[in-house]
PDB file of N, CA and C in Angstrom:
ATOM      1  N   UNK A   1    -221.645  95.784-118.510  1.00  0.00           N
ATOM      2  CA  UNK A   1    -222.105  94.657-119.311  1.00  0.00           C
ATOM      3  C   UNK A   1    -220.887  93.888-119.831  1.00  0.00           C
ATOM      4  N   UNK A   2    -220.891  92.597-119.659  1.00  0.00           N
ATOM      5  CA  UNK A   2    -219.767  91.765-120.083  1.00  0.00           C
ATOM      6  C   UNK A   2    -219.895  91.380-121.555  1.00  0.00           C
ATOM      7  N   UNK A   3    -218.743  91.298-122.209  1.00  0.00           N
ATOM      8  CA  UNK A   3    -218.699  91.000-123.638  1.00  0.00           C
ATOM      9  C   UNK A   3    -217.644  89.949-123.934  1.00  0.00           C
ATOM     10  N   UNK A   4    -217.834  89.279-125.057  1.00  0.00           N
ATOM     11  CA  UNK A   4    -216.780  88.470-125.653  1.00  0.00           C
ATOM     12  C   UNK A   4    -216.124  89.340-126.716  1.00  0.00           C
ATOM     13  N   UNK A   5    -214.801  89.433-126.655  1.00  0.00           N
ATOM     14  CA  UNK A   5    -214.053  90.272-127.585  1.00  0.00           C
ATOM     15  C   UNK A   5    -213.206  89.420-128.515  1.00  0.00           C
ATOM     16  N   UNK A   6    -213.006  89.932-129.723  1.00  0.00           N
ATOM     17  CA  UNK A   6    -212.090  89.325-130.677  1.00  0.00           C
ATOM     18  C   UNK A   6    -211.083  90.391-131.087  1.00  0.00           C
ATOM     19  N   UNK A   7    -209.806  90.111-130.869  1.00  0.00           N
ATOM     20  CA  UNK A   7    -208.725  91.010-131.272  1.00  0.00           C
ATOM     21  C   UNK A   7    -208.127  90.458-132.558  1.00  0.00           C
ATOM     22  N   UNK A   8    -208.120  91.279-133.618  1.00  0.00           N
ATOM     23  CA  UNK A   8    -207.606  90.843-134.911  1.00  0.00           C
ATOM     24  C   UNK A   8    -206.446  91.757-135.310  1.00  0.00           C
ATOM     25  N   UNK A   9    -205.259  91.184-135.365  1.00  0.00           N
ATOM     26  CA  UNK A   9    -204.075  91.930-135.783  1.00  0.00           C
ATOM     27  C   UNK A   9    -203.046  90.922-136.255  1.00  0.00           C
ATOM     28  N   UNK A  10    -202.331  91.249-137.328  1.00  0.00           N
ATOM     29  CA  UNK A  10    -201.344  90.310-137.855  1.00  0.00           C
ATOM     30  C   UNK A  10    -200.068  90.276-137.019  1.00  0.00           C
ATOM     31  N   UNK A  11    -199.917  91.201-136.083  1.00  0.00           N
ATOM     32  CA  UNK A  11    -198.741  91.209-135.218  1.00  0.00           C
ATOM     33  C   UNK A  11    -199.086  90.637-133.846  1.00  0.00           C
ATOM     34  N   UNK A  12    -198.443  89.522-133.511  1.00  0.00           N
ATOM     35  CA  UNK A  12    -198.738  88.839-132.248  1.00  0.00           C
ATOM     36  C   UNK A  12    -198.483  89.737-131.034  1.00  0.00           C
ATOM     37  N   UNK A  13    -197.425  90.521-131.069  1.00  0.00           N
ATOM     38  CA  UNK A  13    -197.128  91.406-129.935  1.00  0.00           C
ATOM     39  C   UNK A  13    -198.228  92.441-129.714  1.00  0.00           C
ATOM     40  N   UNK A  14    -198.817  92.918-130.789  1.00  0.00           N
ATOM     41  CA  UNK A  14    -199.925  93.881-130.671  1.00  0.00           C
ATOM     42  C   UNK A  14    -201.120  93.187-130.018  1.00  0.00           C
ATOM     43  N   UNK A  15    -201.442  91.979-130.480  1.00  0.00           N
ATOM     44  CA  UNK A  15    -202.572  91.246-129.890  1.00  0.00           C
ATOM     45  C   UNK A  15    -202.339  90.993-128.408  1.00  0.00           C
ATOM     46  N   UNK A  16    -201.149  90.518-128.065  1.00  0.00           N
ATOM     47  CA  UNK A  16    -200.848  90.225-126.662  1.00  0.00           C
ATOM     48  C   UNK A  16    -200.877  91.492-125.813  1.00  0.00           C
ATOM     49  N   UNK A  17    -200.321  92.572-126.353  1.00  0.00           N
ATOM     50  CA  UNK A  17    -200.309  93.838-125.626  1.00  0.00           C
ATOM     51  C   UNK A  17    -201.702  94.387-125.401  1.00  0.00           C
ATOM     52  N   UNK A  18    -202.548  94.272-126.411  1.00  0.00           N
ATOM     53  CA  UNK A  18    -203.927  94.752-126.286  1.00  0.00           C
ATOM     54  C   UNK A  18    -204.693  93.910-125.270  1.00  0.00           C
ATOM     55  N   UNK A  19    -204.496  92.609-125.303  1.00  0.00           N
ATOM     56  CA  UNK A  19    -205.132  91.717-124.315  1.00  0.00           C
ATOM     57  C   UNK A  19    -204.695  92.105-122.903  1.00  0.00           C
ATOM     58  N   UNK A  20    -203.408  92.321-122.715  1.00  0.00           N
ATOM     59  CA  UNK A  20    -202.877  92.689-121.395  1.00  0.00           C
ATOM     60  C   UNK A  20    -203.458  94.027-120.930  1.00  0.00           C
ATOM     61  N   UNK A  21    -203.582  94.973-121.842  1.00  0.00           N
ATOM     62  CA  UNK A  21    -204.157  96.275-121.474  1.00  0.00           C
ATOM     63  C   UNK A  21    -205.623  96.157-121.105  1.00  0.00           C
ATOM     64  N   UNK A  22    -206.375  95.346-121.847  1.00  0.00           N
ATOM     65  CA  UNK A  22    -207.792  95.144-121.523  1.00  0.00           C
ATOM     66  C   UNK A  22    -207.935  94.540-120.130  1.00  0.00           C
ATOM     67  N   UNK A  23    -207.075  93.584-119.821  1.00  0.00           N
ATOM     68  CA  UNK A  23    -207.110  92.958-118.496  1.00  0.00           C
ATOM     69  C   UNK A  23    -206.682  93.953-117.414  1.00  0.00           C
ATOM     70  N   UNK A  24    -205.641  94.735-117.678  1.00  0.00           N
ATOM     71  CA  UNK A  24    -205.151  95.735-116.732  1.00  0.00           C
ATOM     72  C   UNK A  24    -206.227  96.782-116.430  1.00  0.00           C
ATOM     73  N   UNK A  25    -206.959  97.190-117.487  1.00  0.00           N
ATOM     74  CA  UNK A  25    -208.007  98.200-117.333  1.00  0.00           C
ATOM     75  C   UNK A  25    -209.300  97.625-116.756  1.00  0.00           C
ATOM     76  N   UNK A  26    -209.285  96.303-116.515  1.00  0.00           N
ATOM     77  CA  UNK A  26    -210.444  95.612-115.964  1.00  0.00           C
ATOM     78  C   UNK A  26    -211.705  95.804-116.824  1.00  0.00           C
ATOM     79  N   UNK A  27    -211.487  95.737-118.154  1.00  0.00           N
ATOM     80  CA  UNK A  27    -212.621  95.756-119.074  1.00  0.00           C
ATOM     81  C   UNK A  27    -213.405  94.476-118.813  1.00  0.00           C
ATOM     82  N   UNK A  28    -214.691  94.608-118.592  1.00  0.00           N
ATOM     83  CA  UNK A  28    -215.533  93.496-118.164  1.00  0.00           C
ATOM     84  C   UNK A  28    -215.822  92.555-119.340  1.00  0.00           C
ATOM     85  N   UNK A  29    -215.048  91.484-119.448  1.00  0.00           N
ATOM     86  CA  UNK A  29    -215.217  90.534-120.546  1.00  0.00           C
ATOM     87  C   UNK A  29    -215.455  89.131-120.010  1.00  0.00           C
ATOM     88  N   UNK A  30    -216.155  88.341-120.816  1.00  0.00           N
ATOM     89  CA  UNK A  30    -216.261  86.912-120.530  1.00  0.00           C
ATOM     90  C   UNK A  30    -214.999  86.230-121.039  1.00  0.00           C
ATOM     91  N   UNK A  31    -214.724  86.472-122.333  1.00  0.00           N
ATOM     92  CA  UNK A  31    -213.595  85.815-122.965  1.00  0.00           C
ATOM     93  C   UNK A  31    -213.025  86.727-124.048  1.00  0.00           C
ATOM     94  N   UNK A  32    -211.708  86.638-124.247  1.00  0.00           N
ATOM     95  CA  UNK A  32    -211.029  87.396-125.295  1.00  0.00           C
ATOM     96  C   UNK A  32    -210.425  86.394-126.272  1.00  0.00           C
ATOM     97  N   UNK A  33    -210.833  86.494-127.519  1.00  0.00           N
ATOM     98  CA  UNK A  33    -210.310  85.637-128.582  1.00  0.00           C
ATOM     99  C   UNK A  33    -209.312  86.450-129.401  1.00  0.00           C
ATOM    100  N   UNK A  34    -208.431  85.758-130.113  1.00  0.00           N
ATOM    101  CA  UNK A  34    -207.453  86.417-130.965  1.00  0.00           C
ATOM    102  C   UNK A  34    -207.445  85.765-132.340  1.00  0.00           C
ATOM    103  N   UNK A  35    -207.139  86.588-133.354  1.00  0.00           N
ATOM    104  CA  UNK A  35    -206.966  86.082-134.712  1.00  0.00           C
ATOM    105  C   UNK A  35    -205.848  86.873-135.375  1.00  0.00           C
ATOM    106  N   UNK A  36    -205.014  86.169-136.138  1.00  0.00           N
ATOM    107  CA  UNK A  36    -203.866  86.799-136.781  1.00  0.00           C
ATOM    108  C   UNK A  36    -204.184  87.336-138.172  1.00  0.00           C
ATOM    109  N   UNK A  37    -205.370  87.010-138.691  1.00  0.00           N
ATOM    110  CA  UNK A  37    -205.742  87.488-140.026  1.00  0.00           C
ATOM    111  C   UNK A  37    -207.261  87.437-140.183  1.00  0.00           C
ATOM    112  N   UNK A  38    -207.731  87.975-141.290  1.00  0.00           N
ATOM    113  CA  UNK A  38    -209.163  88.042-141.535  1.00  0.00           C
ATOM    114  C   UNK A  38    -209.830  86.682-141.630  1.00  0.00           C
ATOM    115  N   UNK A  39    -209.178  85.737-142.267  1.00  0.00           N
ATOM    116  CA  UNK A  39    -209.756  84.395-142.406  1.00  0.00           C
ATOM    117  C   UNK A  39    -209.958  83.751-141.036  1.00  0.00           C
ATOM    118  N   UNK A  40    -208.941  83.826-140.176  1.00  0.00           N
ATOM    119  CA  UNK A  40    -209.061  83.273-138.821  1.00  0.00           C
ATOM    120  C   UNK A  40    -210.129  84.025-138.020  1.00  0.00           C
ATOM    121  N   UNK A  41    -210.247  85.319-138.263  1.00  0.00           N
ATOM    122  CA  UNK A  41    -211.267  86.113-137.565  1.00  0.00           C
ATOM    123  C   UNK A  41    -212.671  85.671-137.971  1.00  0.00           C
ATOM    124  N   UNK A  42    -212.877  85.429-139.263  1.00  0.00           N
ATOM    125  CA  UNK A  42    -214.193  84.958-139.725  1.00  0.00           C
ATOM    126  C   UNK A  42    -214.532  83.607-139.107  1.00  0.00           C
ATOM    127  N   UNK A  43    -213.542  82.722-139.017  1.00  0.00           N
ATOM    128  CA  UNK A  43    -213.765  81.420-138.383  1.00  0.00           C
ATOM    129  C   UNK A  43    -214.129  81.591-136.906  1.00  0.00           C
ATOM    130  N   UNK A  44    -213.462  82.511-136.224  1.00  0.00           N
ATOM    131  CA  UNK A  44    -213.761  82.753-134.806  1.00  0.00           C
ATOM    132  C   UNK A  44    -215.188  83.263-134.634  1.00  0.00           C
ATOM    133  N   UNK A  45    -215.607  84.163-135.513  1.00  0.00           N
ATOM    134  CA  UNK A  45    -216.968  84.709-135.441  1.00  0.00           C
ATOM    135  C   UNK A  45    -218.002  83.610-135.692  1.00  0.00           C
ATOM    136  N   UNK A  46    -217.691  82.702-136.594  1.00  0.00           N
ATOM    137  CA  UNK A  46    -218.621  81.606-136.894  1.00  0.00           C
ATOM    138  C   UNK A  46    -218.688  80.589-135.760  1.00  0.00           C
ATOM    139  N   UNK A  47    -217.611  80.458-134.971  1.00  0.00           N
ATOM    140  CA  UNK A  47    -217.533  79.404-133.960  1.00  0.00           C
ATOM    141  C   UNK A  47    -217.678  79.862-132.515  1.00  0.00           C
ATOM    142  N   UNK A  48    -217.712  81.171-132.281  1.00  0.00           N
ATOM    143  CA  UNK A  48    -217.802  81.682-130.913  1.00  0.00           C
ATOM    144  C   UNK A  48    -218.790  82.841-130.846  1.00  0.00           C
ATOM    145  N   UNK A  49    -219.429  83.016-129.707  1.00  0.00           N
ATOM    146  CA  UNK A  49    -220.334  84.169-129.542  1.00  0.00           C
ATOM    147  C   UNK A  49    -219.513  85.427-129.248  1.00  0.00           C
ATOM    148  N   UNK A  50    -219.275  86.225-130.259  1.00  0.00           N
ATOM    149  CA  UNK A  50    -218.444  87.422-130.122  1.00  0.00           C
ATOM    150  C   UNK A  50    -219.336  88.656-130.237  1.00  0.00           C
ATOM    151  N   UNK A  51    -219.109  89.609-129.334  1.00  0.00           N
ATOM    152  CA  UNK A  51    -219.907  90.841-129.307  1.00  0.00           C
ATOM    153  C   UNK A  51    -219.184  92.025-129.941  1.00  0.00           C
ATOM    154  N   UNK A  52    -217.865  92.105-129.709  1.00  0.00           N
ATOM    155  CA  UNK A  52    -217.073  93.241-130.183  1.00  0.00           C
ATOM    156  C   UNK A  52    -215.812  92.730-130.863  1.00  0.00           C
ATOM    157  N   UNK A  53    -215.532  93.275-132.038  1.00  0.00           N
ATOM    158  CA  UNK A  53    -214.304  92.963-132.767  1.00  0.00           C
ATOM    159  C   UNK A  53    -213.428  94.209-132.750  1.00  0.00           C
ATOM    160  N   UNK A  54    -212.194  94.029-132.287  1.00  0.00           N
ATOM    161  CA  UNK A  54    -211.192  95.093-132.341  1.00  0.00           C
ATOM    162  C   UNK A  54    -210.209  94.671-133.423  1.00  0.00           C
ATOM    163  N   UNK A  55    -210.154  95.427-134.510  1.00  0.00           N
ATOM    164  CA  UNK A  55    -209.341  94.995-135.646  1.00  0.00           C
ATOM    165  C   UNK A  55    -208.383  96.067-136.133  1.00  0.00           C
ATOM    166  N   UNK A  56    -207.221  95.597-136.556  1.00  0.00           N
ATOM    167  CA  UNK A  56    -206.272  96.458-137.251  1.00  0.00           C
ATOM    168  C   UNK A  56    -206.856  96.730-138.626  1.00  0.00           C
ATOM    169  N   UNK A  57    -206.406  97.800-139.259  1.00  0.00           N
ATOM    170  CA  UNK A  57    -206.947  98.117-140.571  1.00  0.00           C
ATOM    171  C   UNK A  57    -206.128  97.487-141.689  1.00  0.00           C
ATOM    172  N   UNK A  58    -204.800  97.440-141.518  1.00  0.00           N
ATOM    173  CA  UNK A  58    -203.939  96.882-142.566  1.00  0.00           C
ATOM    174  C   UNK A  58    -203.379  95.545-142.128  1.00  0.00           C
ATOM    175  N   UNK A  59    -203.793  94.513-142.859  1.00  0.00           N
ATOM    176  CA  UNK A  59    -203.311  93.148-142.610  1.00  0.00           C
ATOM    177  C   UNK A  59    -203.182  92.460-143.961  1.00  0.00           C
ATOM    178  N   UNK A  60    -202.314  91.455-144.055  1.00  0.00           N
ATOM    179  CA  UNK A  60    -202.210  90.720-145.311  1.00  0.00           C
ATOM    180  C   UNK A  60    -203.498  89.934-145.596  1.00  0.00           C
ATOM    181  N   UNK A  61    -203.737  89.660-146.841  1.00  0.00           N
ATOM    182  CA  UNK A  61    -204.874  88.858-147.320  1.00  0.00           C
ATOM    183  C   UNK A  61    -206.209  89.581-147.234  1.00  0.00           C
ATOM    184  N   UNK A  62    -206.589  90.084-146.053  1.00  0.00           N
ATOM    185  CA  UNK A  62    -207.877  90.759-145.892  1.00  0.00           C
ATOM    186  C   UNK A  62    -207.701  91.915-144.917  1.00  0.00           C
ATOM    187  N   UNK A  63    -207.963  93.141-145.368  1.00  0.00           N
ATOM    188  CA  UNK A  63    -207.814  94.271-144.464  1.00  0.00           C
ATOM    189  C   UNK A  63    -208.997  94.340-143.491  1.00  0.00           C
ATOM    190  N   UNK A  64    -208.860  95.156-142.475  1.00  0.00           N
ATOM    191  CA  UNK A  64    -209.870  95.245-141.435  1.00  0.00           C
ATOM    192  C   UNK A  64    -211.233  95.700-141.932  1.00  0.00           C
ATOM    193  N   UNK A  65    -211.254  96.593-142.919  1.00  0.00           N
ATOM    194  CA  UNK A  65    -212.534  97.084-143.436  1.00  0.00           C
ATOM    195  C   UNK A  65    -213.268  95.995-144.209  1.00  0.00           C
ATOM    196  N   UNK A  66    -212.523  95.210-144.985  1.00  0.00           N
ATOM    197  CA  UNK A  66    -213.135  94.071-145.688  1.00  0.00           C
ATOM    198  C   UNK A  66    -213.636  93.053-144.677  1.00  0.00           C
ATOM    199  N   UNK A  67    -212.864  92.823-143.626  1.00  0.00           N
ATOM    200  CA  UNK A  67    -213.282  91.902-142.572  1.00  0.00           C
ATOM    201  C   UNK A  67    -214.612  92.350-141.955  1.00  0.00           C
ATOM    202  N   UNK A  68    -214.717  93.624-141.637  1.00  0.00           N
ATOM    203  CA  UNK A  68    -215.967  94.139-141.059  1.00  0.00           C
ATOM    204  C   UNK A  68    -217.129  93.897-142.013  1.00  0.00           C
ATOM    205  N   UNK A  69    -216.912  94.198-143.286  1.00  0.00           N
ATOM    206  CA  UNK A  69    -217.956  93.991-144.290  1.00  0.00           C
ATOM    207  C   UNK A  69    -218.397  92.518-144.333  1.00  0.00           C
ATOM    208  N   UNK A  70    -217.437  91.597-144.290  1.00  0.00           N
ATOM    209  CA  UNK A  70    -217.748  90.162-144.334  1.00  0.00           C
ATOM    210  C   UNK A  70    -218.467  89.700-143.053  1.00  0.00           C
ATOM    211  N   UNK A  71    -218.030  90.195-141.913  1.00  0.00           N
ATOM    212  CA  UNK A  71    -218.685  89.802-140.654  1.00  0.00           C
ATOM    213  C   UNK A  71    -220.117  90.317-140.620  1.00  0.00           C
ATOM    214  N   UNK A  72    -220.343  91.517-141.132  1.00  0.00           N
ATOM    215  CA  UNK A  72    -221.701  92.089-141.128  1.00  0.00           C
ATOM    216  C   UNK A  72    -222.671  91.239-141.955  1.00  0.00           C
ATOM    217  N   UNK A  73    -222.154  90.486-142.919  1.00  0.00           N
ATOM    218  CA  UNK A  73    -223.002  89.569-143.679  1.00  0.00           C
ATOM    219  C   UNK A  73    -223.491  88.439-142.777  1.00  0.00           C
ATOM    220  N   UNK A  74    -222.670  88.082-141.769  1.00  0.00           N
ATOM    221  CA  UNK A  74    -222.997  86.981-140.860  1.00  0.00           C
ATOM    222  C   UNK A  74    -223.784  87.460-139.638  1.00  0.00           C
ATOM    223  N   UNK A  75    -223.373  88.611-139.090  1.00  0.00           N
ATOM    224  CA  UNK A  75    -223.983  89.137-137.869  1.00  0.00           C
ATOM    225  C   UNK A  75    -224.062  90.652-137.954  1.00  0.00           C
ATOM    226  N   UNK A  76    -225.245  91.157-138.152  1.00  0.00           N
ATOM    227  CA  UNK A  76    -225.426  92.593-138.360  1.00  0.00           C
ATOM    228  C   UNK A  76    -225.262  93.426-137.094  1.00  0.00           C
ATOM    229  N   UNK A  77    -225.483  92.837-135.919  1.00  0.00           N
ATOM    230  CA  UNK A  77    -225.502  93.635-134.695  1.00  0.00           C
ATOM    231  C   UNK A  77    -224.171  93.644-133.934  1.00  0.00           C
ATOM    232  N   UNK A  78    -223.117  93.122-134.507  1.00  0.00           N
ATOM    233  CA  UNK A  78    -221.814  93.114-133.843  1.00  0.00           C
ATOM    234  C   UNK A  78    -221.225  94.521-133.857  1.00  0.00           C
ATOM    235  N   UNK A  79    -220.455  94.854-132.813  1.00  0.00           N
ATOM    236  CA  UNK A  79    -219.794  96.156-132.742  1.00  0.00           C
ATOM    237  C   UNK A  79    -218.339  96.005-133.158  1.00  0.00           C
ATOM    238  N   UNK A  80    -217.804  97.088-133.732  1.00  0.00           N
ATOM    239  CA  UNK A  80    -216.436  97.071-134.231  1.00  0.00           C
ATOM    240  C   UNK A  80    -215.672  98.292-133.751  1.00  0.00           C
ATOM    241  N   UNK A  81    -214.413  98.059-133.392  1.00  0.00           N
ATOM    242  CA  UNK A  81    -213.474  99.131-133.089  1.00  0.00           C
ATOM    243  C   UNK A  81    -212.280  98.918-134.015  1.00  0.00           C
ATOM    244  N   UNK A  82    -211.931  99.947-134.773  1.00  0.00           N
ATOM    245  CA  UNK A  82    -210.813  99.863-135.708  1.00  0.00           C
ATOM    246  C   UNK A  82    -209.610 100.555-135.087  1.00  0.00           C
ATOM    247  N   UNK A  83    -208.475  99.851-135.092  1.00  0.00           N
ATOM    248  CA  UNK A  83    -207.201 100.420-134.650  1.00  0.00           C
ATOM    249  C   UNK A  83    -206.339 100.622-135.881  1.00  0.00           C
ATOM    250  N   UNK A  84    -205.763 101.797-136.005  1.00  0.00           N
ATOM    251  CA  UNK A  84    -204.967 102.059-137.196  1.00  0.00           C
ATOM    252  C   UNK A  84    -203.803 102.975-136.892  1.00  0.00           C
ATOM    253  N   UNK A  85    -202.740 102.768-137.601  1.00  0.00           N
ATOM    254  CA  UNK A  85    -201.606 103.679-137.556  1.00  0.00           C
ATOM    255  C   UNK A  85    -201.731 104.724-138.647  1.00  0.00           C
ATOM    256  N   UNK A  86    -202.861 104.720-139.355  1.00  0.00           N
ATOM    257  CA  UNK A  86    -203.051 105.587-140.512  1.00  0.00           C
ATOM    258  C   UNK A  86    -204.218 106.532-140.274  1.00  0.00           C
ATOM    259  N   UNK A  87    -203.954 107.815-140.409  1.00  0.00           N
ATOM    260  CA  UNK A  87    -205.000 108.828-140.208  1.00  0.00           C
ATOM    261  C   UNK A  87    -205.643 109.208-141.540  1.00  0.00           C
ATOM    262  N   UNK A  88    -205.558 108.319-142.521  1.00  0.00           N
ATOM    263  CA  UNK A  88    -206.117 108.613-143.840  1.00  0.00           C
ATOM    264  C   UNK A  88    -207.639 108.727-143.771  1.00  0.00           C
ATOM    265  N   UNK A  89    -208.150 109.807-144.325  1.00  0.00           N
ATOM    266  CA  UNK A  89    -209.575 110.076-144.261  1.00  0.00           C
ATOM    267  C   UNK A  89    -210.390 108.984-144.945  1.00  0.00           C
ATOM    268  N   UNK A  90    -209.893 108.422-146.038  1.00  0.00           N
ATOM    269  CA  UNK A  90    -210.672 107.402-146.763  1.00  0.00           C
ATOM    270  C   UNK A  90    -210.928 106.171-145.898  1.00  0.00           C
ATOM    271  N   UNK A  91    -209.947 105.782-145.066  1.00  0.00           N
ATOM    272  CA  UNK A  91    -210.150 104.655-144.159  1.00  0.00           C
ATOM    273  C   UNK A  91    -211.238 104.984-143.140  1.00  0.00           C
ATOM    274  N   UNK A  92    -211.123 106.147-142.544  1.00  0.00           N
ATOM    275  CA  UNK A  92    -212.104 106.553-141.530  1.00  0.00           C
ATOM    276  C   UNK A  92    -213.490 106.678-142.147  1.00  0.00           C
ATOM    277  N   UNK A  93    -213.562 107.238-143.341  1.00  0.00           N
ATOM    278  CA  UNK A  93    -214.845 107.403-144.030  1.00  0.00           C
ATOM    279  C   UNK A  93    -215.502 106.042-144.287  1.00  0.00           C
ATOM    280  N   UNK A  94    -214.731 105.087-144.777  1.00  0.00           N
ATOM    281  CA  UNK A  94    -215.269 103.747-145.024  1.00  0.00           C
ATOM    282  C   UNK A  94    -215.699 103.095-143.719  1.00  0.00           C
ATOM    283  N   UNK A  95    -214.897 103.253-142.677  1.00  0.00           N
ATOM    284  CA  UNK A  95    -215.241 102.687-141.366  1.00  0.00           C
ATOM    285  C   UNK A  95    -216.563 103.256-140.860  1.00  0.00           C
ATOM    286  N   UNK A  96    -216.769 104.539-141.029  1.00  0.00           N
ATOM    287  CA  UNK A  96    -218.021 105.175-140.594  1.00  0.00           C
ATOM    288  C   UNK A  96    -219.192 104.606-141.391  1.00  0.00           C
ATOM    289  N   UNK A  97    -219.016 104.464-142.703  1.00  0.00           N
ATOM    290  CA  UNK A  97    -220.089 103.887-143.537  1.00  0.00           C
ATOM    291  C   UNK A  97    -220.440 102.469-143.096  1.00  0.00           C
ATOM    292  N   UNK A  98    -219.433 101.729-142.600  1.00  0.00           N
ATOM    293  CA  UNK A  98    -219.666 100.365-142.135  1.00  0.00           C
ATOM    294  C   UNK A  98    -220.256 100.332-140.731  1.00  0.00           C
ATOM    295  N   UNK A  99    -220.359 101.499-140.093  1.00  0.00           N
ATOM    296  CA  UNK A  99    -220.994 101.571-138.781  1.00  0.00           C
ATOM    297  C   UNK A  99    -220.093 101.202-137.621  1.00  0.00           C
ATOM    298  N   UNK A 100    -218.785 101.425-137.740  1.00  0.00           N
ATOM    299  CA  UNK A 100    -217.906 101.080-136.632  1.00  0.00           C
ATOM    300  C   UNK A 100    -218.192 101.972-135.425  1.00  0.00           C
ATOM    301  N   UNK A 101    -217.969 101.408-134.250  1.00  0.00           N
ATOM    302  CA  UNK A 101    -218.179 102.136-132.994  1.00  0.00           C
ATOM    303  C   UNK A 101    -217.114 103.209-132.814  1.00  0.00           C
ATOM    304  N   UNK A 102    -215.866 102.893-133.181  1.00  0.00           N
ATOM    305  CA  UNK A 102    -214.769 103.848-133.017  1.00  0.00           C
ATOM    306  C   UNK A 102    -213.659 103.547-134.009  1.00  0.00           C
ATOM    307  N   UNK A 103    -212.975 104.597-134.444  1.00  0.00           N
ATOM    308  CA  UNK A 103    -211.790 104.506-135.296  1.00  0.00           C
ATOM    309  C   UNK A 103    -210.669 105.160-134.504  1.00  0.00           C
ATOM    310  N   UNK A 104    -209.789 104.349-133.940  1.00  0.00           N
ATOM    311  CA  UNK A 104    -208.771 104.839-133.022  1.00  0.00           C
ATOM    312  C   UNK A 104    -207.384 104.739-133.643  1.00  0.00           C
ATOM    313  N   UNK A 105    -206.597 105.775-133.458  1.00  0.00           N
ATOM    314  CA  UNK A 105    -205.248 105.799-134.003  1.00  0.00           C
ATOM    315  C   UNK A 105    -204.230 105.282-133.002  1.00  0.00           C
ATOM    316  N   UNK A 106    -203.258 104.512-133.512  1.00  0.00           N
ATOM    317  CA  UNK A 106    -202.148 104.042-132.699  1.00  0.00           C
ATOM    318  C   UNK A 106    -201.125 105.167-132.598  1.00  0.00           C
ATOM    319  N   UNK A 107    -200.406 105.329-131.533  1.00  0.00           N
ATOM    320  CA  UNK A 107    -200.520 104.561-130.288  1.00  0.00           C
ATOM    321  C   UNK A 107    -201.783 104.967-129.529  1.00  0.00           C
ATOM    322  N   UNK A 108    -202.391 104.003-128.914  1.00  0.00           N
ATOM    323  CA  UNK A 108    -203.676 104.151-128.260  1.00  0.00           C
ATOM    324  C   UNK A 108    -203.482 104.356-126.771  1.00  0.00           C
ATOM    325  N   UNK A 109    -204.169 105.353-126.222  1.00  0.00           N
ATOM    326  CA  UNK A 109    -204.088 105.573-124.773  1.00  0.00           C
ATOM    327  C   UNK A 109    -205.036 104.627-124.045  1.00  0.00           C
ATOM    328  N   UNK A 110    -204.750 104.364-122.801  1.00  0.00           N
ATOM    329  CA  UNK A 110    -205.640 103.530-121.986  1.00  0.00           C
ATOM    330  C   UNK A 110    -207.032 104.150-121.875  1.00  0.00           C
ATOM    331  N   UNK A 111    -207.102 105.468-121.770  1.00  0.00           N
ATOM    332  CA  UNK A 111    -208.401 106.149-121.665  1.00  0.00           C
ATOM    333  C   UNK A 111    -209.246 105.923-122.920  1.00  0.00           C
ATOM    334  N   UNK A 112    -208.621 106.061-124.106  1.00  0.00           N
ATOM    335  CA  UNK A 112    -209.352 105.837-125.357  1.00  0.00           C
ATOM    336  C   UNK A 112    -209.861 104.400-125.431  1.00  0.00           C
ATOM    337  N   UNK A 113    -209.012 103.467-125.050  1.00  0.00           N
ATOM    338  CA  UNK A 113    -209.382 102.065-125.100  1.00  0.00           C
ATOM    339  C   UNK A 113    -210.555 101.794-124.179  1.00  0.00           C
ATOM    340  N   UNK A 114    -210.458 102.243-122.955  1.00  0.00           N
ATOM    341  CA  UNK A 114    -211.505 101.980-121.956  1.00  0.00           C
ATOM    342  C   UNK A 114    -212.825 102.630-122.374  1.00  0.00           C
ATOM    343  N   UNK A 115    -212.764 103.815-122.957  1.00  0.00           N
ATOM    344  CA  UNK A 115    -213.970 104.540-123.358  1.00  0.00           C
ATOM    345  C   UNK A 115    -214.686 103.891-124.537  1.00  0.00           C
ATOM    346  N   UNK A 116    -213.934 103.214-125.403  1.00  0.00           N
ATOM    347  CA  UNK A 116    -214.508 102.733-126.651  1.00  0.00           C
ATOM    348  C   UNK A 116    -214.734 101.230-126.759  1.00  0.00           C
ATOM    349  N   UNK A 117    -214.391 100.496-125.721  1.00  0.00           N
ATOM    350  CA  UNK A 117    -214.618  99.039-125.756  1.00  0.00           C
ATOM    351  C   UNK A 117    -215.760  98.679-124.844  1.00  0.00           C
TER     352      UNK A 117
END
């Protein structure tokens, strides 16, 4: 099944690298959008048909968990994958309460990415 994806990370190299990996793994997508922060991500969700959001957890202005909470106010059926360099239980616990599809730790393997997107 093909999806529109949104990659949200404040580091451009991470966004570009994730996009390249998704393409390399031949993840079946229509279009891949990018956002450098939560505000830009909310605008993308409002202006494009997005099915899956892949978001970093720690970003300036709005963290990934707050972003998920805000997007769920707009679209309840969207899927989320959280990427984090932090194995803190409180982050994972909040992500689970928000109904995320996966909470993946960096560095991320190609197998984990392919299985969860």
